[in-house]
Amino acid sequence: MAANRRPASAGLAKVGKLRLNDAQWEKLQRLAGGSTAPAEACAPSDRLSSHGLVATDQKGCEYLTVHGAFRLSQGR
């Protein structure tokens, strides 16, 4: 049964490399570094959230998801 297990990142590797414009890429980098201003972090990005790269907390502020961190690791 252990042979059927896949690593946690296996599902992420199947996703193609999503093309991001400069503003979207910079936003992911800022969220990863935790250096966004509170007002900016609370300005939701439809495209980033629809692709699962960011999510919103109970206050409506965005944070980086595991998928977003994986996309950052793929490089620009």
PDB file of N, CA and C in Angstrom:
ATOM      1  N   MET A   1       0.816  -1.193   0.000  1.00  0.00           N
ATOM      2  CA  MET A   1       0.000   0.000   0.000  1.00  0.00           C
ATOM      3  C   MET A   1       0.862   1.260   0.000  1.00  0.00           C
ATOM      4  N   ALA A   2       2.033   1.188   0.591  1.00  0.00           N
ATOM      5  CA  ALA A   2       2.916   2.351   0.626  1.00  0.00           C
ATOM      6  C   ALA A   2       3.407   2.713  -0.770  1.00  0.00           C
ATOM      7  N   ALA A   3       3.419   1.747  -1.681  1.00  0.00           N
ATOM      8  CA  ALA A   3       3.874   2.018  -3.046  1.00  0.00           C
ATOM      9  C   ALA A   3       2.915   2.947  -3.782  1.00  0.00           C
ATOM     10  N   ASN A   4       1.660   3.025  -3.329  1.00  0.00           N
ATOM     11  CA  ASN A   4       0.672   3.876  -3.979  1.00  0.00           C
ATOM     12  C   ASN A   4       0.739   5.321  -3.523  1.00  0.00           C
ATOM     13  N   ARG A   5       1.516   5.610  -2.528  1.00  0.00           N
ATOM     14  CA  ARG A   5       1.585   6.981  -2.004  1.00  0.00           C
ATOM     15  C   ARG A   5       2.458   7.847  -2.899  1.00  0.00           C
ATOM     16  N   ARG A   6       1.991   9.063  -3.088  1.00  0.00           N
ATOM     17  CA  ARG A   6       2.761  10.039  -3.858  1.00  0.00           C
ATOM     18  C   ARG A   6       3.237  11.121  -2.922  1.00  0.00           C
ATOM     19  N   PRO A   7       4.352  11.759  -3.233  1.00  0.00           N
ATOM     20  CA  PRO A   7       4.776  12.890  -2.409  1.00  0.00           C
ATOM     21  C   PRO A   7       3.755  14.018  -2.482  1.00  0.00           C
ATOM     22  N   ALA A   8       3.719  14.850  -1.456  1.00  0.00           N
ATOM     23  CA  ALA A   8       2.746  15.942  -1.388  1.00  0.00           C
ATOM     24  C   ALA A   8       2.859  16.887  -2.575  1.00  0.00           C
ATOM     25  N   SER A   9       4.047  17.048  -3.113  1.00  0.00           N
ATOM     26  CA  SER A   9       4.234  17.977  -4.230  1.00  0.00           C
ATOM     27  C   SER A   9       3.889  17.358  -5.577  1.00  0.00           C
ATOM     28  N   ALA A  10       3.519  16.085  -5.622  1.00  0.00           N
ATOM     29  CA  ALA A  10       3.242  15.426  -6.900  1.00  0.00           C
ATOM     30  C   ALA A  10       2.086  16.096  -7.632  1.00  0.00           C
ATOM     31  N   GLY A  11       1.038  16.502  -6.923  1.00  0.00           N
ATOM     32  CA  GLY A  11      -0.088  17.173  -7.554  1.00  0.00           C
ATOM     33  C   GLY A  11       0.286  18.535  -8.079  1.00  0.00           C
ATOM     34  N   LEU A  12       1.220  19.182  -7.428  1.00  0.00           N
ATOM     35  CA  LEU A  12       1.648  20.504  -7.867  1.00  0.00           C
ATOM     36  C   LEU A  12       2.469  20.420  -9.141  1.00  0.00           C
ATOM     37  N   ALA A  13       3.240  19.364  -9.287  1.00  0.00           N
ATOM     38  CA  ALA A  13       4.118  19.235 -10.442  1.00  0.00           C
ATOM     39  C   ALA A  13       3.323  19.052 -11.737  1.00  0.00           C
ATOM     40  N   LYS A  14       2.098  18.552 -11.648  1.00  0.00           N
ATOM     41  CA  LYS A  14       1.285  18.333 -12.833  1.00  0.00           C
ATOM     42  C   LYS A  14       0.773  19.639 -13.426  1.00  0.00           C
ATOM     43  N   VAL A  15       0.681  20.666 -12.629  1.00  0.00           N
ATOM     44  CA  VAL A  15       0.149  21.936 -13.088  1.00  0.00           C
ATOM     45  C   VAL A  15       1.191  22.620 -13.956  1.00  0.00           C
ATOM     46  N   GLY A  16       0.756  23.133 -15.106  1.00  0.00           N
ATOM     47  CA  GLY A  16       1.663  23.849 -15.976  1.00  0.00           C
ATOM     48  C   GLY A  16       2.113  25.155 -15.339  1.00  0.00           C
ATOM     49  N   LYS A  17       3.145  25.711 -15.882  1.00  0.00           N
ATOM     50  CA  LYS A  17       3.690  26.960 -15.357  1.00  0.00           C
ATOM     51  C   LYS A  17       2.784  28.110 -15.795  1.00  0.00           C
ATOM     52  N   LEU A  18       2.042  28.645 -14.858  1.00  0.00           N
ATOM     53  CA  LEU A  18       1.114  29.740 -15.124  1.00  0.00           C
ATOM     54  C   LEU A  18       1.890  31.008 -15.433  1.00  0.00           C
ATOM     55  N   ARG A  19       1.558  31.651 -16.534  1.00  0.00           N
ATOM     56  CA  ARG A  19       2.230  32.897 -16.907  1.00  0.00           C
ATOM     57  C   ARG A  19       1.665  34.035 -16.079  1.00  0.00           C
ATOM     58  N   LEU A  20       2.554  34.809 -15.490  1.00  0.00           N
ATOM     59  CA  LEU A  20       2.155  35.940 -14.658  1.00  0.00           C
ATOM     60  C   LEU A  20       2.749  37.214 -15.222  1.00  0.00           C
ATOM     61  N   ASN A  21       1.979  38.305 -15.138  1.00  0.00           N
ATOM     62  CA  ASN A  21       2.547  39.582 -15.556  1.00  0.00           C
ATOM     63  C   ASN A  21       3.435  40.118 -14.425  1.00  0.00           C
ATOM     64  N   ASP A  22       4.107  41.212 -14.670  1.00  0.00           N
ATOM     65  CA  ASP A  22       5.065  41.740 -13.697  1.00  0.00           C
ATOM     66  C   ASP A  22       4.402  42.057 -12.359  1.00  0.00           C
ATOM     67  N   ALA A  23       3.232  42.663 -12.394  1.00  0.00           N
ATOM     68  CA  ALA A  23       2.558  43.043 -11.149  1.00  0.00           C
ATOM     69  C   ALA A  23       2.157  41.806 -10.342  1.00  0.00           C
ATOM     70  N   GLN A  24       1.676  40.763 -11.025  1.00  0.00           N
ATOM     71  CA  GLN A  24       1.282  39.534 -10.332  1.00  0.00           C
ATOM     72  C   GLN A  24       2.495  38.837  -9.726  1.00  0.00           C
ATOM     73  N   TRP A  25       3.590  38.777 -10.482  1.00  0.00           N
ATOM     74  CA  TRP A  25       4.814  38.145 -10.002  1.00  0.00           C
ATOM     75  C   TRP A  25       5.349  38.897  -8.777  1.00  0.00           C
ATOM     76  N   GLU A  26       5.370  40.215  -8.863  1.00  0.00           N
ATOM     77  CA  GLU A  26       5.868  41.019  -7.745  1.00  0.00           C
ATOM     78  C   GLU A  26       4.981  40.858  -6.516  1.00  0.00           C
ATOM     79  N   LYS A  27       3.675  40.723  -6.726  1.00  0.00           N
ATOM     80  CA  LYS A  27       2.776  40.533  -5.592  1.00  0.00           C
ATOM     81  C   LYS A  27       3.053  39.202  -4.901  1.00  0.00           C
ATOM     82  N   LEU A  28       3.276  38.135  -5.677  1.00  0.00           N
ATOM     83  CA  LEU A  28       3.621  36.855  -5.071  1.00  0.00           C
ATOM     84  C   LEU A  28       4.908  36.964  -4.261  1.00  0.00           C
ATOM     85  N   GLN A  29       5.893  37.653  -4.813  1.00  0.00           N
ATOM     86  CA  GLN A  29       7.159  37.825  -4.102  1.00  0.00           C
ATOM     87  C   GLN A  29       6.965  38.603  -2.799  1.00  0.00           C
ATOM     88  N   ARG A  30       6.158  39.659  -2.836  1.00  0.00           N
ATOM     89  CA  ARG A  30       5.908  40.449  -1.632  1.00  0.00           C
ATOM     90  C   ARG A  30       5.161  39.632  -0.584  1.00  0.00           C
ATOM     91  N   LEU A  31       4.172  38.858  -1.018  1.00  0.00           N
ATOM     92  CA  LEU A  31       3.438  38.020  -0.069  1.00  0.00           C
ATOM     93  C   LEU A  31       4.349  36.961   0.549  1.00  0.00           C
ATOM     94  N   ALA A  32       5.256  36.412  -0.253  1.00  0.00           N
ATOM     95  CA  ALA A  32       6.192  35.401   0.257  1.00  0.00           C
ATOM     96  C   ALA A  32       7.140  36.004   1.277  1.00  0.00           C
ATOM     97  N   GLY A  33       7.536  37.256   1.041  1.00  0.00           N
ATOM     98  CA  GLY A  33       8.462  37.920   1.955  1.00  0.00           C
ATOM     99  C   GLY A  33       7.772  38.575   3.134  1.00  0.00           C
ATOM    100  N   GLY A  34       6.451  38.611   3.098  1.00  0.00           N
ATOM    101  CA  GLY A  34       5.702  39.233   4.184  1.00  0.00           C
ATOM    102  C   GLY A  34       5.881  40.730   4.254  1.00  0.00           C
ATOM    103  N   SER A  35       6.251  41.346   3.125  1.00  0.00           N
ATOM    104  CA  SER A  35       6.537  42.779   3.151  1.00  0.00           C
ATOM    105  C   SER A  35       5.439  43.627   2.507  1.00  0.00           C
ATOM    106  N   THR A  36       4.230  43.090   2.407  1.00  0.00           N
ATOM    107  CA  THR A  36       3.161  43.890   1.815  1.00  0.00           C
ATOM    108  C   THR A  36       2.571  44.821   2.855  1.00  0.00           C
ATOM    109  N   ALA A  37       2.177  45.970   2.392  1.00  0.00           N
ATOM    110  CA  ALA A  37       1.471  46.899   3.270  1.00  0.00           C
ATOM    111  C   ALA A  37       0.093  46.317   3.559  1.00  0.00           C
ATOM    112  N   PRO A  38      -0.475  46.552   4.739  1.00  0.00           N
ATOM    113  CA  PRO A  38      -1.781  45.970   5.060  1.00  0.00           C
ATOM    114  C   PRO A  38      -2.863  46.279   4.034  1.00  0.00           C
ATOM    115  N   ALA A  39      -2.908  47.486   3.526  1.00  0.00           N
ATOM    116  CA  ALA A  39      -3.935  47.846   2.538  1.00  0.00           C
ATOM    117  C   ALA A  39      -3.725  47.082   1.242  1.00  0.00           C
ATOM    118  N   GLU A  40      -2.463  46.894   0.859  1.00  0.00           N
ATOM    119  CA  GLU A  40      -2.161  46.179  -0.378  1.00  0.00           C
ATOM    120  C   GLU A  40      -2.474  44.691  -0.234  1.00  0.00           C
ATOM    121  N   ALA A  41      -2.188  44.115   0.917  1.00  0.00           N
ATOM    122  CA  ALA A  41      -2.465  42.691   1.131  1.00  0.00           C
ATOM    123  C   ALA A  41      -3.966  42.422   1.136  1.00  0.00           C
ATOM    124  N   CYS A  42      -4.750  43.436   1.434  1.00  0.00           N
ATOM    125  CA  CYS A  42      -6.203  43.269   1.482  1.00  0.00           C
ATOM    126  C   CYS A  42      -6.878  43.607   0.161  1.00  0.00           C
ATOM    127  N   ALA A  43      -6.092  43.927  -0.853  1.00  0.00           N
ATOM    128  CA  ALA A  43      -6.652  44.176  -2.174  1.00  0.00           C
ATOM    129  C   ALA A  43      -6.599  42.864  -2.953  1.00  0.00           C
ATOM    130  N   PRO A  44      -7.709  42.131  -3.016  1.00  0.00           N
ATOM    131  CA  PRO A  44      -7.675  40.809  -3.631  1.00  0.00           C
ATOM    132  C   PRO A  44      -7.360  40.827  -5.118  1.00  0.00           C
ATOM    133  N   SER A  45      -6.641  39.815  -5.557  1.00  0.00           N
ATOM    134  CA  SER A  45      -6.314  39.641  -6.960  1.00  0.00           C
ATOM    135  C   SER A  45      -7.116  38.455  -7.477  1.00  0.00           C
ATOM    136  N   ASP A  46      -8.062  38.706  -8.378  1.00  0.00           N
ATOM    137  CA  ASP A  46      -8.936  37.650  -8.880  1.00  0.00           C
ATOM    138  C   ASP A  46      -8.165  36.530  -9.571  1.00  0.00           C
ATOM    139  N   ARG A  47      -7.212  36.889 -10.404  1.00  0.00           N
ATOM    140  CA  ARG A  47      -6.504  35.863 -11.169  1.00  0.00           C
ATOM    141  C   ARG A  47      -5.631  35.008 -10.266  1.00  0.00           C
ATOM    142  N   LEU A  48      -4.910  35.630  -9.343  1.00  0.00           N
ATOM    143  CA  LEU A  48      -4.050  34.856  -8.450  1.00  0.00           C
ATOM    144  C   LEU A  48      -4.871  33.940  -7.548  1.00  0.00           C
ATOM    145  N   SER A  49      -5.995  34.432  -7.060  1.00  0.00           N
ATOM    146  CA  SER A  49      -6.814  33.600  -6.183  1.00  0.00           C
ATOM    147  C   SER A  49      -7.556  32.517  -6.966  1.00  0.00           C
ATOM    148  N   SER A  50      -7.989  32.804  -8.183  1.00  0.00           N
ATOM    149  CA  SER A  50      -8.713  31.797  -8.959  1.00  0.00           C
ATOM    150  C   SER A  50      -7.813  30.627  -9.350  1.00  0.00           C
ATOM    151  N   HIS A  51      -6.527  30.873  -9.433  1.00  0.00           N
ATOM    152  CA  HIS A  51      -5.578  29.802  -9.733  1.00  0.00           C
ATOM    153  C   HIS A  51      -5.003  29.180  -8.463  1.00  0.00           C
ATOM    154  N   GLY A  52      -5.468  29.614  -7.303  1.00  0.00           N
ATOM    155  CA  GLY A  52      -5.044  29.008  -6.047  1.00  0.00           C
ATOM    156  C   GLY A  52      -3.675  29.431  -5.560  1.00  0.00           C
ATOM    157  N   LEU A  53      -3.141  30.522  -6.113  1.00  0.00           N
ATOM    158  CA  LEU A  53      -1.814  30.977  -5.694  1.00  0.00           C
ATOM    159  C   LEU A  53      -1.871  31.802  -4.424  1.00  0.00           C
ATOM    160  N   VAL A  54      -2.975  32.467  -4.205  1.00  0.00           N
ATOM    161  CA  VAL A  54      -3.202  33.226  -2.974  1.00  0.00           C
ATOM    162  C   VAL A  54      -4.606  32.910  -2.473  1.00  0.00           C
ATOM    163  N   ALA A  55      -4.801  33.122  -1.192  1.00  0.00           N
ATOM    164  CA  ALA A  55      -6.118  32.946  -0.574  1.00  0.00           C
ATOM    165  C   ALA A  55      -6.333  34.135   0.355  1.00  0.00           C
ATOM    166  N   THR A  56      -7.547  34.288   0.814  1.00  0.00           N
ATOM    167  CA  THR A  56      -7.845  35.395   1.723  1.00  0.00           C
ATOM    168  C   THR A  56      -8.198  34.855   3.101  1.00  0.00           C
ATOM    169  N   ASP A  57      -7.786  35.601   4.117  1.00  0.00           N
ATOM    170  CA  ASP A  57      -8.102  35.213   5.485  1.00  0.00           C
ATOM    171  C   ASP A  57      -9.459  35.788   5.890  1.00  0.00           C
ATOM    172  N   GLN A  58      -9.811  35.653   7.157  1.00  0.00           N
ATOM    173  CA  GLN A  58     -11.117  36.104   7.633  1.00  0.00           C
ATOM    174  C   GLN A  58     -11.298  37.613   7.531  1.00  0.00           C
ATOM    175  N   LYS A  59     -10.182  38.344   7.522  1.00  0.00           N
ATOM    176  CA  LYS A  59     -10.238  39.805   7.408  1.00  0.00           C
ATOM    177  C   LYS A  59     -10.268  40.254   5.949  1.00  0.00           C
ATOM    178  N   GLY A  60     -10.117  39.300   5.031  1.00  0.00           N
ATOM    179  CA  GLY A  60     -10.100  39.642   3.612  1.00  0.00           C
ATOM    180  C   GLY A  60      -8.724  39.949   3.074  1.00  0.00           C
ATOM    181  N   CYS A  61      -7.692  39.734   3.866  1.00  0.00           N
ATOM    182  CA  CYS A  61      -6.316  39.977   3.423  1.00  0.00           C
ATOM    183  C   CYS A  61      -5.752  38.726   2.759  1.00  0.00           C
ATOM    184  N   GLU A  62      -4.966  38.932   1.708  1.00  0.00           N
ATOM    185  CA  GLU A  62      -4.398  37.814   0.969  1.00  0.00           C
ATOM    186  C   GLU A  62      -3.156  37.262   1.646  1.00  0.00           C
ATOM    187  N   TYR A  63      -2.943  35.963   1.451  1.00  0.00           N
ATOM    188  CA  TYR A  63      -1.706  35.314   1.880  1.00  0.00           C
ATOM    189  C   TYR A  63      -1.335  34.277   0.827  1.00  0.00           C
ATOM    190  N   LEU A  64      -0.062  33.936   0.797  1.00  0.00           N
ATOM    191  CA  LEU A  64       0.469  33.005  -0.188  1.00  0.00           C
ATOM    192  C   LEU A  64       0.095  31.572   0.186  1.00  0.00           C
ATOM    193  N   THR A  65      -0.369  30.793  -0.776  1.00  0.00           N
ATOM    194  CA  THR A  65      -0.702  29.393  -0.536  1.00  0.00           C
ATOM    195  C   THR A  65       0.497  28.517  -0.903  1.00  0.00           C
ATOM    196  N   VAL A  66       0.367  27.215  -0.659  1.00  0.00           N
ATOM    197  CA  VAL A  66       1.411  26.259  -1.037  1.00  0.00           C
ATOM    198  C   VAL A  66       1.600  26.288  -2.555  1.00  0.00           C
ATOM    199  N   HIS A  67       0.510  26.407  -3.293  1.00  0.00           N
ATOM    200  CA  HIS A  67       0.602  26.481  -4.757  1.00  0.00           C
ATOM    201  C   HIS A  67       1.339  27.749  -5.190  1.00  0.00           C
ATOM    202  N   GLY A  68       1.090  28.842  -4.494  1.00  0.00           N
ATOM    203  CA  GLY A  68       1.788  30.085  -4.805  1.00  0.00           C
ATOM    204  C   GLY A  68       3.273  29.978  -4.528  1.00  0.00           C
ATOM    205  N   ALA A  69       3.626  29.338  -3.426  1.00  0.00           N
ATOM    206  CA  ALA A  69       5.043  29.147  -3.095  1.00  0.00           C
ATOM    207  C   ALA A  69       5.717  28.241  -4.124  1.00  0.00           C
ATOM    208  N   PHE A  70       4.981  27.208  -4.576  1.00  0.00           N
ATOM    209  CA  PHE A  70       5.528  26.320  -5.601  1.00  0.00           C
ATOM    210  C   PHE A  70       5.748  27.081  -6.905  1.00  0.00           C
ATOM    211  N   ARG A  71       4.793  27.933  -7.286  1.00  0.00           N
ATOM    212  CA  ARG A  71       4.926  28.719  -8.513  1.00  0.00           C
ATOM    213  C   ARG A  71       6.128  29.650  -8.421  1.00  0.00           C
ATOM    214  N   LEU A  72       6.356  30.229  -7.258  1.00  0.00           N
ATOM    215  CA  LEU A  72       7.535  31.075  -7.065  1.00  0.00           C
ATOM    216  C   LEU A  72       8.818  30.263  -7.242  1.00  0.00           C
ATOM    217  N   SER A  73       8.807  29.026  -6.768  1.00  0.00           N
ATOM    218  CA  SER A  73      10.006  28.188  -6.873  1.00  0.00           C
ATOM    219  C   SER A  73      10.319  27.818  -8.310  1.00  0.00           C
ATOM    220  N   GLN A  74       9.327  27.914  -9.211  1.00  0.00           N
ATOM    221  CA  GLN A  74       9.552  27.630 -10.629  1.00  0.00           C
ATOM    222  C   GLN A  74      10.303  28.755 -11.319  1.00  0.00           C
ATOM    223  N   GLY A  75      10.356  29.913 -10.708  1.00  0.00           N
ATOM    224  CA  GLY A  75      11.048  31.048 -11.303  1.00  0.00           C
ATOM    225  C   GLY A  75      10.179  31.836 -12.252  1.00  0.00           C
ATOM    226  N   ARG A  76      10.693  32.952 -12.657  1.00  0.00           N
ATOM    227  CA  ARG A  76       9.950  33.879 -13.511  1.00  0.00           C
ATOM    228  C   ARG A  76       9.694  33.238 -14.835  1.00  0.00           C
TER     229      ARG A  76
END
